[in-house]
Protein backbone atom coordinates (compact mmCIF):
# COMPACT_ATOMS: atom_id res chain seq x y z
CA UNK A 1 -141.00 -25.68 31.97
CA UNK A 2 -142.98 -28.22 29.98
CA UNK A 3 -141.26 -30.37 27.55
CA UNK A 4 -142.47 -29.31 23.97
CA UNK A 5 -143.74 -32.91 23.26
CA UNK A 6 -146.01 -33.06 26.28
CA UNK A 7 -149.60 -33.06 25.41
CA UNK A 8 -151.39 -30.11 26.25
CA UNK A 9 -153.82 -30.25 29.30
CA UNK A 10 -157.13 -28.54 29.43
CA UNK A 11 -158.48 -27.14 32.57
CA UNK A 12 -161.38 -24.95 33.73
CA UNK A 13 -160.93 -22.45 36.47
CA UNK A 14 -163.35 -22.60 39.45
CA UNK A 15 -163.87 -19.97 42.05
CA UNK A 16 -164.42 -20.72 45.76
CA UNK A 17 -164.63 -18.86 49.03
CA UNK A 18 -163.30 -21.72 51.08
CA UNK A 19 -161.21 -24.72 50.22
CA UNK A 20 -162.09 -28.00 52.01
CA UNK A 21 -161.16 -31.53 52.15
CA UNK A 22 -159.27 -32.86 49.25
CA UNK A 23 -159.16 -29.75 47.16
CA UNK A 24 -157.28 -28.00 50.25
CA UNK A 25 -154.67 -30.70 50.40
CA UNK A 26 -154.34 -30.85 46.50
CA UNK A 27 -153.39 -27.09 46.50
CA UNK A 28 -150.87 -27.61 49.17
CA UNK A 29 -149.37 -30.59 47.52
CA UNK A 30 -149.22 -28.55 44.20
CA UNK A 31 -147.51 -25.64 46.12
CA UNK A 32 -144.96 -28.06 47.69
CA UNK A 33 -143.94 -29.51 44.27
CA UNK A 34 -143.62 -26.16 42.76
CA UNK A 35 -141.37 -25.09 45.63
CA UNK A 36 -139.20 -28.16 45.25
CA UNK A 37 -138.82 -27.54 41.58
CA UNK A 38 -138.31 -23.67 41.62
CA UNK A 39 -136.23 -23.54 44.95
CA UNK A 40 -138.70 -20.78 46.23
CA UNK A 41 -142.18 -20.91 47.89
CA UNK A 42 -144.98 -20.15 45.49
CA UNK A 43 -147.29 -19.24 48.26
CA UNK A 44 -146.79 -17.31 51.54
CA UNK A 45 -147.55 -18.20 55.20
CA UNK A 46 -150.69 -15.95 55.08
CA UNK A 47 -152.12 -17.84 51.96
CA UNK A 48 -151.59 -21.21 53.55
CA UNK A 49 -153.30 -20.04 56.67
CA UNK A 50 -156.30 -18.86 54.67
CA UNK A 51 -156.69 -22.18 52.69
CA UNK A 52 -159.15 -23.86 54.85
CA UNK A 53 -160.18 -20.72 56.84
CA UNK A 54 -163.53 -18.91 56.55
CA UNK A 55 -163.21 -16.90 53.48
CA UNK A 56 -163.93 -13.16 54.39
CA UNK A 57 -162.32 -11.09 51.85
CA UNK A 58 -160.24 -13.99 50.49
CA UNK A 59 -160.93 -16.04 47.15
CA UNK A 60 -159.64 -19.08 45.78
CA UNK A 61 -159.30 -19.94 42.26
CA UNK A 62 -158.54 -23.52 41.10
CA UNK A 63 -157.53 -24.57 37.74
CA UNK A 64 -158.86 -28.10 37.35
CA UNK A 65 -158.85 -30.88 34.60
CA UNK A 66 -162.32 -32.56 33.77
CA UNK A 67 -160.97 -35.40 35.72
CA UNK A 68 -160.58 -33.42 38.83
CA UNK A 69 -156.78 -32.94 38.98
CA UNK A 70 -155.69 -29.69 40.23
CA UNK A 71 -153.08 -28.09 37.96
CA UNK A 72 -153.08 -24.26 39.22
CA UNK A 73 -154.17 -22.20 41.92
CA UNK A 74 -154.54 -18.45 42.71
CA UNK A 75 -155.30 -16.55 45.73
CA UNK A 76 -156.54 -13.09 46.13
CA UNK A 77 -158.24 -10.57 48.48
CA UNK A 78 -160.74 -9.07 46.21
CA UNK A 79 -161.20 -6.04 48.41
CA UNK A 80 -157.56 -4.79 48.28
CA UNK A 81 -155.68 -4.75 44.92
CA UNK A 82 -152.30 -3.95 46.58
CA UNK A 83 -152.52 -7.14 48.80
CA UNK A 84 -151.06 -9.12 45.74
CA UNK A 85 -152.32 -12.29 44.17
CA UNK A 86 -150.38 -15.40 44.48
CA UNK A 87 -150.57 -17.99 41.55
CA UNK A 88 -148.91 -21.57 41.17
CA UNK A 89 -149.07 -23.97 38.23
CA UNK A 90 -148.08 -27.50 38.19
CA UNK A 91 -144.41 -27.62 37.09
CA UNK A 92 -145.01 -30.25 34.54
CA UNK A 93 -147.88 -28.37 32.97
CA UNK A 94 -146.37 -24.71 32.62
CA UNK A 95 -146.45 -22.73 29.37
CA UNK A 96 -149.99 -24.09 28.49
CA UNK A 97 -151.96 -21.05 29.42
CA UNK A 98 -153.13 -22.27 32.86
CA UNK A 99 -151.40 -19.34 34.69
CA UNK A 100 -152.73 -16.99 32.11
CA UNK A 101 -156.23 -18.24 32.55
CA UNK A 102 -156.10 -18.02 36.41
CA UNK A 103 -154.77 -14.34 35.95
CA UNK A 104 -157.80 -13.65 33.54
CA UNK A 105 -160.04 -14.98 36.16
CA UNK A 106 -158.54 -12.96 38.92
CA UNK A 107 -158.71 -9.62 36.82
CA UNK A 108 -162.44 -10.25 36.01
CA UNK A 109 -162.87 -10.02 39.87
CA UNK A 110 -160.27 -7.28 40.53
CA UNK A 111 -159.33 -5.38 37.21
CA UNK A 112 -156.45 -3.64 38.93
CA UNK A 113 -155.02 -6.66 40.72
CA UNK A 114 -151.15 -6.99 41.21
CA UNK A 115 -149.44 -10.48 41.36
CA UNK A 116 -146.35 -11.61 43.41
CA UNK A 117 -143.52 -13.32 41.95
CA UNK A 118 -141.53 -14.81 44.73
CA UNK A 119 -137.91 -14.97 43.84
CA UNK A 120 -138.73 -13.18 40.53
CA UNK A 121 -137.61 -16.06 38.45
CA UNK A 122 -136.69 -15.68 34.75
CA UNK A 123 -139.95 -17.65 33.84
CA UNK A 124 -142.03 -15.06 35.92
CA UNK A 125 -140.27 -12.09 34.52
CA UNK A 126 -141.29 -13.40 30.81
CA UNK A 127 -144.64 -14.09 31.86
CA UNK A 128 -145.09 -10.54 33.30
CA UNK A 129 -143.55 -9.11 30.20
CA UNK A 130 -145.89 -10.91 27.74
CA UNK A 131 -148.81 -10.10 29.84
CA UNK A 132 -148.00 -6.42 29.90
CA UNK A 133 -147.22 -5.97 33.56
CA UNK A 134 -144.53 -3.97 35.35
CA UNK A 135 -142.70 -4.26 38.66
CA UNK A 136 -144.73 -2.03 41.24
CA UNK A 137 -143.24 -3.16 44.49
CA UNK A 138 -140.04 -4.87 45.85
CA UNK A 139 -139.64 -7.09 48.83
CA UNK A 140 -135.93 -7.81 49.88
CA UNK A 141 -135.10 -10.83 51.87
CA UNK A 142 -131.94 -9.97 53.88
CA UNK A 143 -129.84 -12.17 56.34
CA UNK A 144 -126.93 -11.98 58.61
CA UNK A 145 -124.94 -14.46 60.90
CA UNK A 146 -126.15 -14.66 64.59
CA UNK A 147 -122.64 -15.11 65.90
CA UNK A 148 -121.76 -12.64 68.59
CA UNK A 149 -125.08 -11.42 69.14
CA UNK A 150 -125.97 -13.62 72.31
CA UNK A 151 -124.49 -10.78 74.53
CA UNK A 152 -125.79 -8.05 72.48
CA UNK A 153 -126.29 -4.86 74.59
CA UNK A 154 -129.79 -3.43 74.30
CA UNK A 155 -130.36 0.23 75.33
CA UNK A 156 -134.07 1.46 76.04
CA UNK A 157 -134.87 4.98 76.98
CA UNK A 158 -135.09 5.80 80.64
CA UNK A 159 -138.26 4.34 82.30
CA UNK A 160 -138.83 2.02 79.48
CA UNK A 161 -139.00 -1.71 79.70
CA UNK A 162 -139.21 -5.09 77.83
CA UNK A 163 -141.10 -8.30 78.46
CA UNK A 164 -142.72 -11.08 76.35
CA UNK A 165 -145.94 -11.63 75.06
CA UNK A 166 -149.02 -13.00 76.85
CA UNK A 167 -152.37 -13.86 75.30
CA UNK A 168 -153.84 -10.80 77.33
CA UNK A 169 -151.68 -8.69 75.09
CA UNK A 170 -153.50 -9.68 71.71
CA UNK A 171 -155.82 -6.71 71.48
CA UNK A 172 -153.03 -4.21 72.46
CA UNK A 173 -150.72 -5.61 70.17
CA UNK A 174 -153.13 -5.61 67.15
CA UNK A 175 -153.90 -1.77 67.86
CA UNK A 176 -150.20 -1.10 68.04
CA UNK A 177 -149.45 -3.07 64.89
CA UNK A 178 -152.31 -1.19 63.04
CA UNK A 179 -150.69 2.03 63.92
CA UNK A 180 -147.13 0.99 63.02
CA UNK A 181 -148.19 -0.35 59.69
CA UNK A 182 -151.23 1.78 58.76
CA UNK A 183 -150.04 2.13 55.23
CA UNK A 184 -149.05 -1.42 54.60
CA UNK A 185 -151.25 -3.52 52.46
CA UNK A 186 -150.70 -6.77 54.39
CA UNK A 187 -149.14 -6.27 57.85
CA UNK A 188 -151.48 -3.45 58.68
CA UNK A 189 -154.49 -5.58 58.23
CA UNK A 190 -153.66 -8.24 60.82
CA UNK A 191 -156.49 -9.12 63.25
CA UNK A 192 -156.67 -10.90 66.73
CA UNK A 193 -157.89 -13.84 64.80
CA UNK A 194 -154.78 -13.87 62.40
CA UNK A 195 -152.71 -13.66 65.52
CA UNK A 196 -154.36 -16.56 67.09
CA UNK A 197 -154.10 -18.55 63.90
CA UNK A 198 -150.41 -18.10 63.92
CA UNK A 199 -149.95 -18.93 67.63
CA UNK A 200 -151.55 -22.36 66.64
CA UNK A 201 -148.71 -22.89 64.34
CA UNK A 202 -145.75 -25.33 65.37
CA UNK A 203 -142.97 -22.49 65.27
CA UNK A 204 -144.95 -20.04 67.49
CA UNK A 205 -143.20 -19.19 70.89
CA UNK A 206 -144.44 -16.36 73.15
CA UNK A 207 -140.97 -16.15 74.52
CA UNK A 208 -139.79 -15.01 71.14
CA UNK A 209 -142.36 -12.07 71.02
CA UNK A 210 -140.96 -9.11 72.81
CA UNK A 211 -142.84 -6.06 73.91
CA UNK A 212 -141.63 -2.61 74.86
CA UNK A 213 -143.73 -0.58 77.20
CA UNK A 214 -143.30 3.22 78.10
CA UNK A 215 -143.23 4.55 81.79
CA UNK A 216 -146.87 4.42 81.72
CA UNK A 217 -147.01 0.60 80.75
CA UNK A 218 -148.30 1.66 77.25
CA UNK A 219 -147.18 -0.75 74.43
CA UNK A 220 -145.15 1.18 72.16
CA UNK A 221 -142.80 -1.15 70.05
CA UNK A 222 -142.56 -4.88 69.66
CA UNK A 223 -140.27 -7.70 67.68
CA UNK A 224 -141.84 -10.91 66.82
CA UNK A 225 -139.25 -13.47 66.15
CA UNK A 226 -139.70 -16.77 64.35
CA UNK A 227 -137.75 -19.97 64.49
CA UNK A 228 -138.24 -22.64 61.60
CA UNK A 229 -136.09 -25.09 59.95
CA UNK A 230 -133.05 -24.28 62.40
CA UNK A 231 -133.17 -20.86 61.07
CA UNK A 232 -134.24 -17.60 62.76
CA UNK A 233 -136.27 -14.81 61.33
CA UNK A 234 -137.02 -11.12 62.26
CA UNK A 235 -140.88 -11.87 61.60
CA UNK A 236 -142.17 -8.25 62.11
CA UNK A 237 -140.77 -5.14 64.20
CA UNK A 238 -143.16 -2.44 64.74
CA UNK A 239 -142.96 0.94 66.75
CA UNK A 240 -145.54 3.33 67.51
CA UNK A 241 -145.46 6.39 64.95
CA UNK A 242 -145.55 8.54 67.99
CA UNK A 243 -142.28 7.31 69.37
CA UNK A 244 -140.29 7.40 66.28
CA UNK A 245 -136.61 8.69 66.91
CA UNK A 246 -136.19 7.18 70.24
CA UNK A 247 -134.16 4.14 69.18
CA UNK A 248 -136.98 1.69 69.91
CA UNK A 249 -136.63 -0.04 66.47
CA UNK A 250 -133.00 -0.83 66.89
CA UNK A 251 -133.50 -1.86 70.57
CA UNK A 252 -136.49 -4.05 69.76
CA UNK A 253 -134.63 -5.64 67.07
CA UNK A 254 -131.74 -6.33 69.16
CA UNK A 255 -133.92 -7.96 71.89
CA UNK A 256 -135.00 -10.55 69.27
CA UNK A 257 -131.72 -11.04 67.73
CA UNK A 258 -130.06 -11.73 71.11
CA UNK A 259 -132.78 -14.25 71.82
CA UNK A 260 -132.29 -16.14 68.51
CA UNK A 261 -128.54 -16.18 69.06
CA UNK A 262 -129.02 -17.69 72.41
CA UNK A 263 -130.95 -20.69 70.84
CA UNK A 264 -127.57 -21.45 68.97
CA UNK A 265 -129.04 -20.70 65.65
CA UNK A 266 -126.50 -19.82 62.69
CA UNK A 267 -128.31 -17.20 60.79
CA UNK A 268 -131.42 -14.76 60.86
CA UNK A 269 -133.25 -13.53 58.02
CA UNK A 270 -135.94 -10.97 57.52
CA UNK A 271 -138.31 -9.33 54.85
CA UNK A 272 -138.39 -5.55 54.16
CA UNK A 273 -139.95 -3.48 51.40
CA UNK A 274 -137.59 -2.06 48.89
CA UNK A 275 -138.80 1.76 49.53
CA UNK A 276 -138.57 1.52 53.39
CA UNK A 277 -135.23 3.47 53.56
CA UNK A 278 -135.44 3.85 57.36
CA UNK A 279 -135.70 0.07 57.94
CA UNK A 280 -133.06 -0.69 55.28
CA UNK A 281 -130.73 1.76 56.90
CA UNK A 282 -131.19 0.12 60.33
CA UNK A 283 -130.82 -3.33 59.15
CA UNK A 284 -127.91 -2.37 57.04
CA UNK A 285 -126.13 -0.98 60.10
CA UNK A 286 -126.97 -4.29 61.95
CA UNK A 287 -125.26 -6.20 59.28
CA UNK A 288 -127.95 -7.58 57.30
CA UNK A 289 -127.34 -8.14 53.68
CA UNK A 290 -129.76 -8.93 50.79
CA UNK A 291 -129.93 -12.52 49.57
CA UNK A 292 -132.97 -12.40 47.37
CA UNK A 293 -135.95 -10.39 45.96
CA UNK A 294 -139.78 -10.76 45.66
CA UNK A 295 -141.40 -8.39 43.26
CA UNK A 296 -145.09 -7.53 42.76
CA UNK A 297 -146.14 -6.78 39.04
CA UNK A 298 -149.03 -4.68 38.17
CA UNK A 299 -150.37 -2.93 35.19
């Protein structure tokens, strides 16, 4: 929060389709500072990947002082209100209206936009209340220790087999992911280019992306794991909707958990939508417990 005696800073909002050069780095620096102060990331991995990438449906709004200092940033997909906007403001310059001005610029482009509050911190709750917004979606972060999972038994239906990812699988994986997350506002729109962008990240390991095939060698389930900062993550688990009820989700999850445990990692985390009762039940049976909550606010 801003000290009451801090002089108010004026800033104007600029809209851009792509961030390049110094402005890209200024936004990254701003997001890192906010994360240090708040204890939670203000921007998601997806947003970071799009900062310097060709715009497509993405828009970048930057609040900038007359001397060029970046004091706030908002990211949105102007074609999909449900995707959720992310906004970050300089921790030293909050409560000066910069976040509100960014939000007004966002809603001028997408009137029914939604906005993420990662961690749903008290300041975000107060801002949403003052702005007349309400919780429309919850995203839970869950975790469990990896102890005891290095020798976990994985049961697949007869004739099904598991293997790891190769880049020849990109198109088949994208197609399966699209079917598995057809109604999901973010995951269901992942493209082959998105996969390749993630594969270029330091954390990517093809040996941690498990694919399950049916007896006809068709891809029917997967578990993409992630290892970063000495912690494992269930990055995403997907099952072909036509193969639900065969235990493939649990089997794919255990394949990844066993892999992470064998790396000697102490803990694994995951994100799951609060209304995904089937996934919550599966993860609960596997020993996961809620540790934090992100929420999406809308009108």
